[in-house]
Protein backbone atom coordinates (compact mmCIF):
# COMPACT_ATOMS: atom_id res chain seq x y z
CA ARG A 1 31.82 -7.70 22.28
CA HIS A 2 32.31 -4.49 20.27
CA THR A 3 34.55 -4.78 17.19
CA ARG A 4 35.53 -1.65 15.25
CA PHE A 5 36.82 -1.68 11.65
CA ARG A 6 38.61 1.32 10.21
CA ASN A 7 40.42 -0.51 7.40
CA VAL A 8 39.07 -3.72 5.88
CA THR A 9 41.32 -3.90 2.80
CA GLY A 10 41.66 -7.47 1.64
CA VAL A 11 38.95 -8.77 3.93
CA GLN A 12 36.35 -10.66 1.89
CA THR A 13 34.16 -12.20 4.56
CA CYS A 14 33.47 -11.73 8.26
CA ALA A 15 31.84 -14.08 10.75
CA LEU A 16 30.84 -12.45 14.01
CA PRO A 17 27.58 -14.24 14.70
CA ILE A 18 27.23 -13.53 18.40
CA SER A 19 23.79 -11.95 18.67
CA ASN A 20 24.84 -9.28 21.18
CA SER A 21 28.16 -8.44 19.50
CA VAL A 22 28.58 -5.04 17.81
CA THR A 23 30.61 -4.48 14.66
CA GLU A 24 31.22 -0.83 13.82
CA PHE A 25 32.55 0.55 10.54
CA TYR A 26 33.72 4.01 11.53
CA ARG A 27 36.15 5.47 8.97
CA SER A 28 35.84 9.15 8.15
CA ASP A 29 35.82 8.42 4.41
CA ASN A 30 34.58 5.65 2.11
CA GLN A 31 34.67 2.00 3.17
CA THR A 32 33.95 -1.30 1.45
CA ILE A 33 31.96 -3.68 3.64
CA PRO A 34 32.76 -7.38 3.23
CA SER A 35 30.09 -10.05 3.16
CA GLY A 36 29.45 -11.84 6.39
CA LYS A 37 27.26 -12.83 9.27
CA PHE A 38 27.28 -10.23 12.01
CA GLY A 39 25.55 -9.67 15.29
CA ASN A 40 24.69 -5.95 15.44
CA ILE A 41 26.22 -3.70 12.79
CA VAL A 42 26.85 0.05 13.10
CA PHE A 43 27.91 2.49 10.37
CA SER A 44 29.47 5.70 11.70
CA GLY A 45 32.06 8.28 10.69
CA GLU A 46 31.54 9.85 7.26
CA GLY A 47 31.53 8.95 3.60
CA THR A 48 29.92 6.01 1.84
CA LYS A 49 29.95 2.46 3.16
CA LEU A 50 29.66 0.21 0.10
CA CYS A 51 28.40 -3.35 0.62
CA SER A 52 30.39 -5.72 -1.57
CA ALA A 53 28.05 -8.69 -1.01
CA SER A 54 25.04 -9.81 1.03
CA LEU A 55 24.95 -9.23 4.78
CA ASP A 56 23.24 -11.32 7.45
CA VAL A 57 22.85 -9.28 10.63
CA ASN A 58 20.85 -8.86 13.79
CA SER A 59 20.32 -5.08 14.09
CA PHE A 60 21.35 -2.49 11.48
CA LEU A 61 22.20 1.09 12.55
CA ILE A 62 23.24 3.96 10.26
CA ASN A 63 24.42 7.05 12.13
CA SER A 64 23.89 10.62 10.99
CA GLY A 65 26.09 11.80 8.13
CA VAL A 66 26.75 8.29 6.80
CA ILE A 67 25.69 6.88 3.42
CA VAL A 68 25.27 3.11 3.17
CA ASP A 69 25.04 1.67 -0.34
CA GLY A 70 23.50 -1.77 -0.12
CA GLY A 71 24.17 -2.47 -3.79
CA ASN A 72 22.20 -5.03 -5.75
CA TYR A 73 22.33 -7.61 -2.97
CA VAL A 74 19.87 -9.35 -0.68
CA HIS A 75 20.49 -8.51 2.97
CA THR A 76 18.85 -10.32 5.88
CA ILE A 77 18.01 -8.58 9.15
CA THR A 78 16.53 -10.29 12.21
CA GLY A 79 16.54 -7.26 14.53
CA ASN A 80 15.75 -3.57 14.21
CA PHE A 81 16.66 -1.32 11.29
CA GLU A 82 17.47 2.30 12.21
CA ASN A 83 18.58 4.75 9.55
CA ASN A 84 19.64 8.21 10.72
CA GLY A 85 21.76 8.82 7.64
CA THR A 86 21.15 7.69 4.05
CA PHE A 87 20.45 4.18 2.80
CA GLN A 88 20.44 3.45 -0.92
CA SER A 89 19.98 0.11 -2.62
CA SER A 90 18.93 -1.56 -5.85
CA GLY A 91 18.55 -4.90 -4.07
CA GLU A 92 16.39 -6.25 -1.29
CA ILE A 93 16.20 -6.45 2.48
CA ILE A 94 14.51 -9.42 4.14
CA PHE A 95 13.19 -8.67 7.62
CA GLN A 96 12.74 -12.08 9.21
CA GLY A 97 12.92 -11.55 12.94
CA ALA A 98 10.16 -12.17 15.46
CA HIS A 99 9.40 -8.52 16.33
CA GLN A 100 11.18 -5.72 14.48
CA SER A 101 10.99 -1.95 14.16
CA LEU A 102 12.01 0.04 11.07
CA LEU A 103 13.05 3.68 11.24
CA THR A 104 14.00 4.76 7.73
CA SER A 105 12.69 7.00 4.98
CA SER A 106 13.43 4.75 2.00
CA LEU A 107 13.95 1.14 0.94
CA ASN A 108 14.02 -0.58 -2.42
CA ASN A 109 12.57 -4.11 -2.33
CA ALA A 110 11.46 -5.21 1.12
CA THR A 111 10.29 -8.63 2.25
CA PHE A 112 8.70 -9.12 5.66
CA ALA A 113 9.09 -12.75 6.66
CA GLY A 114 9.14 -14.93 9.75
CA GLU A 115 6.61 -14.34 12.50
CA GLY A 116 5.66 -11.45 14.74
CA VAL A 117 5.02 -7.79 14.02
CA LYS A 118 7.19 -5.54 11.85
CA THR A 119 6.48 -1.95 12.93
CA LEU A 120 7.16 1.03 10.64
CA LEU A 121 8.15 4.07 12.72
CA LYS A 122 7.89 6.68 9.94
CA GLY A 123 6.67 7.03 6.36
CA ILE A 124 8.72 4.97 3.91
CA LEU A 125 9.30 5.36 0.18
CA PHE A 126 9.57 1.85 -1.30
CA THR A 127 11.20 2.28 -4.70
CA GLY A 128 10.70 -1.42 -5.39
CA SER A 129 8.17 -4.00 -4.24
CA VAL A 130 6.73 -4.89 -0.83
CA ASN A 131 6.30 -8.57 0.05
CA ILE A 132 4.50 -9.68 3.21
CA ASN A 133 5.04 -13.40 3.70
CA PRO A 134 2.66 -15.82 5.48
CA HIS A 135 2.64 -15.42 9.30
CA ALA A 136 4.23 -11.95 9.08
CA ILE A 137 2.35 -8.88 10.30
CA LEU A 138 3.28 -5.45 8.95
CA ASP A 139 2.11 -2.46 11.03
CA GLY A 140 2.23 0.68 8.89
CA GLY A 141 1.19 2.98 11.75
CA SER A 142 -0.43 6.32 10.98
CA TYR A 143 2.14 7.23 8.32
CA HIS A 144 1.99 7.89 4.57
CA HIS A 145 3.93 5.24 2.64
CA PHE A 146 4.77 5.28 -1.07
CA VAL A 147 5.16 2.12 -3.14
CA TYR A 148 6.65 2.18 -6.66
CA GLY A 149 6.62 -1.57 -7.28
CA ASN A 150 4.22 -4.43 -6.59
CA TRP A 151 2.38 -5.16 -3.35
CA ASN A 152 2.35 -8.88 -2.53
CA ASN A 153 0.52 -9.59 0.70
CA ASN A 154 0.25 -13.16 1.98
CA GLY A 155 0.30 -12.14 5.64
CA LYS A 156 -1.40 -9.26 7.44
CA PHE A 157 -1.15 -5.51 7.04
CA TYR A 158 -2.45 -2.97 9.56
CA SER A 159 -2.51 0.80 9.06
CA SER A 160 -4.25 3.93 10.25
CA GLY A 161 -2.42 6.02 7.64
CA GLU A 162 -2.18 5.92 3.85
CA VAL A 163 -0.49 3.81 1.21
CA GLU A 164 0.08 5.54 -2.12
CA PHE A 165 0.87 3.46 -5.21
CA ASN A 166 2.73 5.84 -7.48
CA GLY A 167 4.67 3.62 -9.86
CA GLU A 168 3.75 2.68 -13.40
CA SER A 169 2.42 -0.86 -13.94
CA GLN A 170 1.70 -2.27 -10.44
CA ASN A 171 0.00 -5.35 -9.00
CA ILE A 172 -1.77 -5.12 -5.64
CA THR A 173 -2.94 -8.31 -3.93
CA THR A 174 -5.68 -8.86 -1.35
CA SER A 175 -5.21 -6.47 1.59
CA SER A 176 -6.93 -4.25 4.11
CA PHE A 177 -5.86 -0.61 3.98
CA ASP A 178 -7.00 2.53 5.73
CA ASN A 179 -6.57 5.26 3.11
CA ILE A 180 -5.27 4.28 -0.32
CA SER A 181 -4.33 6.42 -3.31
CA PHE A 182 -3.21 5.68 -6.84
CA SER A 183 -0.96 8.24 -8.54
CA GLY A 184 1.80 8.39 -11.13
CA ASN A 185 1.04 6.80 -14.48
CA GLY A 186 0.09 3.48 -15.98
CA THR A 187 -2.22 0.74 -14.77
CA LYS A 188 -2.70 -0.47 -11.21
CA TYR A 189 -4.05 -4.04 -11.22
CA LEU A 190 -6.02 -5.23 -8.20
CA THR A 191 -5.41 -8.99 -8.14
CA GLY A 192 -7.68 -9.68 -5.17
CA PRO A 193 -10.42 -8.03 -3.09
CA LEU A 194 -9.53 -4.94 -1.08
CA ILE A 195 -11.08 -3.61 2.12
CA ILE A 196 -10.53 0.14 2.48
CA GLY A 197 -11.34 1.44 5.96
CA GLY A 198 -10.80 5.02 4.83
CA SER A 199 -10.90 6.78 1.44
CA VAL A 200 -9.85 5.95 -2.12
CA LYS A 201 -8.19 8.52 -4.38
CA ILE A 202 -7.43 7.88 -8.07
CA SER A 203 -5.31 10.62 -9.64
CA PRO A 204 -5.39 11.79 -13.28
CA SER A 205 -3.42 9.61 -15.75
CA VAL A 206 -4.04 6.53 -13.61
CA PHE A 207 -5.94 3.49 -14.90
CA LEU A 208 -7.23 1.32 -12.04
CA ASP A 209 -8.22 -2.22 -13.00
CA GLY A 210 -10.40 -3.63 -10.23
CA GLY A 211 -10.76 -7.03 -11.90
CA SER A 212 -13.76 -9.21 -11.09
CA TYR A 213 -13.39 -8.81 -7.32
CA THR A 214 -15.54 -7.22 -4.64
CA HIS A 215 -13.92 -4.17 -3.07
CA THR A 216 -15.35 -2.62 0.09
CA ILE A 217 -14.99 1.10 0.85
CA TYR A 218 -15.87 2.75 4.18
CA HIS A 219 -15.26 6.41 3.39
CA ASN A 220 -15.06 8.59 0.29
CA TRP A 221 -14.37 7.72 -3.34
CA ASP A 222 -12.40 10.43 -5.20
CA ASN A 223 -11.75 9.49 -8.84
CA SER A 224 -9.99 11.78 -11.33
CA GLY A 225 -8.58 8.89 -13.38
CA THR A 226 -10.13 5.83 -15.02
CA LEU A 227 -11.68 2.82 -13.31
CA TYR A 228 -12.25 -0.49 -15.06
CA SER A 229 -14.11 -3.20 -13.15
CA GLN A 230 -16.02 -6.40 -13.79
CA GLY A 231 -16.73 -6.84 -10.09
CA THR A 232 -18.56 -4.99 -7.33
CA VAL A 233 -17.73 -1.90 -5.32
CA VAL A 234 -19.46 -1.87 -1.94
CA PHE A 235 -19.83 1.45 -0.13
CA ALA A 236 -20.29 0.19 3.42
CA GLY A 237 -19.59 3.21 5.61
CA ASP A 238 -21.71 5.98 7.10
CA ALA A 239 -21.77 9.30 5.20
CA GLN A 240 -19.88 8.76 1.93
CA SER A 241 -19.32 10.75 -1.26
CA ILE A 242 -18.85 9.14 -4.67
CA SER A 243 -17.26 11.07 -7.53
CA THR A 244 -17.63 10.50 -11.29
CA SER A 245 -16.86 6.90 -12.21
CA ASN A 246 -17.77 3.99 -14.46
CA PHE A 247 -18.57 1.02 -12.22
CA HIS A 248 -19.81 -2.48 -12.93
CA ASN A 249 -21.89 -3.46 -9.87
CA VAL A 250 -22.47 -0.98 -7.05
CA GLN A 251 -23.85 -1.84 -3.63
CA LEU A 252 -24.71 0.78 -1.02
CA SER A 253 -24.77 -0.69 2.49
CA GLY A 254 -23.84 0.25 6.02
CA SER A 255 -25.81 3.27 7.19
CA GLY A 256 -26.40 6.94 6.51
CA MET A 257 -26.29 8.88 3.27
CA LYS A 258 -24.24 8.25 0.14
CA SER A 259 -23.97 11.30 -2.12
CA ALA A 260 -22.96 11.56 -5.77
CA LEU A 261 -20.32 14.16 -6.60
CA GLY A 262 -20.48 13.58 -10.35
CA ASN A 263 -22.08 11.50 -13.10
CA ILE A 264 -22.13 7.78 -12.33
CA SER A 265 -22.34 4.99 -14.89
CA ILE A 266 -23.12 1.44 -13.74
CA SER A 267 -22.77 -1.29 -16.36
CA GLY A 268 -24.19 -3.92 -13.99
CA ASN A 269 -26.54 -3.80 -11.03
CA PHE A 270 -27.25 -0.98 -8.58
CA ASP A 271 -28.28 -2.14 -5.10
CA ILE A 272 -29.40 0.26 -2.34
CA GLU A 273 -29.80 -1.64 0.92
CA ASN A 274 -32.21 -1.02 3.76
CA GLY A 275 -31.45 2.08 5.84
CA ILE A 276 -29.45 3.81 3.07
CA THR A 277 -30.28 7.11 1.40
CA PHE A 278 -28.63 7.86 -1.94
CA ASN A 279 -28.51 11.52 -2.97
CA ALA A 280 -28.14 11.76 -6.74
CA LYS A 281 -28.13 15.59 -6.61
CA SER A 282 -28.01 17.13 -10.12
CA TYR A 283 -25.97 14.37 -11.77
CA SER A 284 -26.87 11.59 -14.17
CA VAL A 285 -27.00 7.96 -13.06
CA SER A 286 -26.86 5.39 -15.87
CA ILE A 287 -27.76 1.78 -15.06
CA SER A 288 -27.38 -1.12 -17.50
CA GLY A 289 -28.39 -3.89 -15.11
CA ASN A 290 -31.01 -4.24 -12.40
CA PHE A 291 -31.99 -1.59 -9.88
CA VAL A 292 -32.66 -3.00 -6.39
CA ASN A 293 -33.93 -0.36 -3.98
CA LYS A 294 -34.55 -1.30 -0.35
CA GLY A 295 -33.60 2.15 0.91
CA ILE A 296 -34.27 5.67 -0.34
CA PHE A 297 -33.28 6.99 -3.76
CA ASN A 298 -33.27 10.79 -3.47
CA ALA A 299 -33.36 11.85 -7.11
CA GLN A 300 -33.31 15.61 -6.49
CA THR A 301 -32.65 17.13 -9.97
CA SER A 302 -30.74 14.18 -11.39
CA SER A 303 -31.30 12.18 -14.58
CA VAL A 304 -31.68 8.40 -14.26
CA ILE A 305 -31.03 6.43 -17.44
CA PHE A 306 -31.78 2.70 -17.81
CA ASN A 307 -29.72 1.76 -20.84
CA GLY A 308 -29.25 -1.99 -20.68
CA SER A 309 -29.52 -4.09 -23.85
CA ALA A 310 -31.37 -6.87 -22.00
CA VAL A 311 -34.43 -6.93 -19.75
CA GLN A 312 -33.93 -4.85 -16.60
CA SER A 313 -35.81 -5.04 -13.31
CA VAL A 314 -36.45 -1.72 -11.57
CA ASP A 315 -37.62 -1.46 -7.96
CA ALA A 316 -39.98 1.25 -6.85
CA ALA A 317 -38.36 4.67 -6.43
CA SER A 318 -39.07 8.32 -7.05
CA PHE A 319 -36.79 9.35 -9.88
CA PHE A 320 -37.88 12.99 -9.99
CA LYS A 321 -37.83 15.77 -7.46
């Protein structure tokens, strides 16, 4: 069943719950959309379609040339979300279907609930927070996503692209990312351990608080901001570069060479595992804790400073070229 609305004046609620029904709002100018439970909803024509309350729908389609203003409401979608026009909102969308695809360039707050995989089909700018509920799987694809709010992950997140946190004060819970970057201003708080299959980039004016957790990195570390950590950063990939940073504990594992790209300060322990070569190049390496060397420390023309206030243990290594 396909129902078309050109005028909905005086209509406050709709109830068209048949899952395969289609409700189309098609006026060539502005329309107010009543609250209701719909099957599939389509926005066509021109102008702005203004939601006057929460919607509960199966699929959600915005055609080219149409602006949909979701308002400050919570909308629930169990099917696919396809935006070929403009979607704006200061509220939230809950995606709670079994398997859903999202084709849109922007959302405000988004919650991924229910079971099954939610697949992002292009890069999305989340101007609010992202919530991944238990049992939900969010597939970010190979795209670059921006998040201005918090990242709350209690499910699973897969990505072969990048997530950039570019808000002000942001919380980021336990997750596995491919590439991750921190930009904008303010402090980004890591409230659980992260596994980064790709690279980490910290932009100027960003303060990254790693907490007391262990974070594992498999590619490069590019820091132009400030890192604070009471935990451990594990570099577990193959060839990796590490830029200027103040770490607590550092562990070099995996295989291959790890190369410094700037001065490194370690307020805790420095552990080089078997099979690893660390190239210090011409930079200084300051260590306040213990130095455990089961691999190769290639000092080159660097300066190594043991500056702890307590007794330090130092494994055998050649600290001079």
